[in-house]
Protein backbone atom coordinates (compact mmCIF):
# COMPACT_ATOMS: atom_id res chain seq x y z
CA UNK A 1 -0.10 0.39 0.00
CA UNK A 2 1.47 2.99 -0.69
CA UNK A 3 2.83 5.01 1.85
CA UNK A 4 3.10 2.42 4.30
CA UNK A 5 -0.10 3.10 5.53
CA UNK A 6 -2.29 -0.39 6.45
CA UNK A 7 -6.25 -0.17 6.39
CA UNK A 8 -8.56 -2.22 8.90
CA UNK A 9 -11.50 -3.98 8.21
CA UNK A 10 -13.64 -1.86 6.98
CA UNK A 11 -11.17 0.37 4.91
CA UNK A 12 -10.46 3.33 6.69
CA UNK A 13 -6.67 4.29 7.42
CA UNK A 14 -6.09 2.41 10.28
CA UNK A 15 -3.84 4.23 13.83
CA UNK A 16 -0.68 3.46 14.26
CA UNK A 17 1.15 3.63 17.75
CA UNK A 18 4.93 2.71 17.83
CA UNK A 19 5.81 -0.40 18.98
CA UNK A 20 2.57 -1.66 19.01
CA UNK A 21 0.45 -4.16 16.56
CA UNK A 22 -3.10 -2.29 16.38
CA UNK A 23 -5.87 -4.99 17.19
CA UNK A 24 -8.39 -5.01 14.63
CA UNK A 25 -12.09 -6.84 14.35
CA UNK A 26 -10.54 -10.17 12.21
CA UNK A 27 -7.95 -10.84 15.25
CA UNK A 28 -10.78 -11.77 16.85
CA UNK A 29 -13.41 -13.13 14.58
CA UNK A 30 -14.17 -17.45 14.72
CA UNK A 31 -11.73 -19.20 12.73
CA UNK A 32 -13.29 -21.40 10.36
CA UNK A 33 -12.74 -25.16 11.16
CA UNK A 34 -9.90 -25.91 8.87
CA UNK A 35 -7.87 -23.48 11.18
CA UNK A 36 -9.08 -24.28 14.64
CA UNK A 37 -7.48 -27.67 15.54
CA UNK A 38 -4.42 -26.13 14.84
CA UNK A 39 -4.33 -22.39 16.55
CA UNK A 40 -6.46 -23.82 19.91
CA UNK A 41 -4.01 -24.33 22.15
CA UNK A 42 -4.82 -27.20 24.41
CA UNK A 43 -5.72 -25.66 27.75
CA UNK A 44 -6.40 -28.48 30.93
CA UNK A 45 -8.98 -28.39 32.95
CA UNK A 46 -6.77 -26.79 35.33
CA UNK A 47 -5.83 -23.64 32.80
CA UNK A 48 -9.14 -22.96 31.94
CA UNK A 49 -10.86 -23.17 35.72
CA UNK A 50 -8.13 -20.10 36.67
CA UNK A 51 -8.63 -18.51 33.47
CA UNK A 52 -12.62 -18.14 33.83
CA UNK A 53 -12.36 -17.48 37.57
CA UNK A 54 -10.13 -14.89 36.83
CA UNK A 55 -12.31 -13.35 33.86
CA UNK A 56 -15.02 -13.18 36.54
CA UNK A 57 -12.67 -11.37 40.01
CA UNK A 58 -12.00 -8.03 40.10
CA UNK A 59 -8.43 -9.07 40.77
CA UNK A 60 -5.77 -11.82 40.95
CA UNK A 61 -5.72 -11.94 44.76
CA UNK A 62 -9.97 -12.74 44.61
CA UNK A 63 -10.05 -14.95 42.00
CA UNK A 64 -7.30 -16.85 43.87
CA UNK A 65 -9.66 -16.81 47.20
CA UNK A 66 -12.33 -17.83 45.07
CA UNK A 67 -10.34 -20.90 43.69
CA UNK A 68 -8.32 -21.21 47.18
CA UNK A 69 -4.98 -20.90 46.37
CA UNK A 70 -2.17 -18.26 45.83
CA UNK A 71 -2.63 -15.04 43.92
CA UNK A 72 1.11 -16.20 42.43
CA UNK A 73 -0.44 -19.96 41.38
CA UNK A 74 -2.92 -17.54 39.60
CA UNK A 75 -0.39 -15.36 37.73
CA UNK A 76 1.53 -18.77 37.47
CA UNK A 77 -1.84 -20.58 35.19
CA UNK A 78 -1.76 -17.20 33.55
CA UNK A 79 1.84 -16.79 32.73
CA UNK A 80 1.23 -20.34 31.30
CA UNK A 81 -1.72 -19.87 29.35
CA UNK A 82 -0.61 -16.82 28.01
CA UNK A 83 2.49 -19.02 26.64
CA UNK A 84 0.39 -21.36 24.77
CA UNK A 85 -1.33 -18.82 23.10
CA UNK A 86 1.35 -17.09 21.71
CA UNK A 87 3.14 -20.81 20.82
CA UNK A 88 0.58 -20.82 18.36
CA UNK A 89 0.32 -17.39 16.69
CA UNK A 90 -2.40 -16.01 19.03
CA UNK A 91 -0.70 -13.54 21.20
CA UNK A 92 -3.26 -12.62 24.35
CA UNK A 93 -1.01 -10.45 26.53
CA UNK A 94 -4.31 -8.34 28.10
CA UNK A 95 -7.45 -9.29 30.00
CA UNK A 96 -9.54 -8.60 27.75
CA UNK A 97 -7.66 -10.45 24.65
CA UNK A 98 -7.93 -14.05 27.30
CA UNK A 99 -11.55 -13.24 27.60
CA UNK A 100 -11.84 -13.37 23.01
CA UNK A 101 -9.86 -16.07 23.30
CA UNK A 102 -11.81 -17.88 25.36
CA UNK A 103 -14.88 -16.07 23.99
CA UNK A 104 -13.14 -17.72 20.47
CA UNK A 105 -12.08 -21.39 22.06
CA UNK A 106 -15.24 -22.00 23.09
CA UNK A 107 -14.23 -22.18 26.88
CA UNK A 108 -16.72 -19.58 27.75
CA UNK A 109 -19.90 -17.93 25.99
CA UNK A 110 -21.40 -14.23 25.88
CA UNK A 111 -24.31 -16.08 27.63
CA UNK A 112 -22.76 -16.52 30.75
CA UNK A 113 -21.50 -12.93 31.58
């Protein structure tokens, strides 16, 4: 594209942030069946449990209390979950990204929230 400026899904110029990629709606769309098998990380049932508890909580401490574990254990699980998403090329650096990934991958649904 002339000038190196990318366009978003609607064709508008995408905002540029120094050093940070800009999320687009296509990043959160449901992958088709052909890509789902290799792009979806295999989270353990405990990882899913910790992820959902943390998403529902205001803090790691609140999630830890609900699960009867320490906040550092919650942090360890979240680090492993993020690493698994990174390994399949689907970065999830924030809580919002992890919620989007959990919805995309069927670990939760909008009805739950």
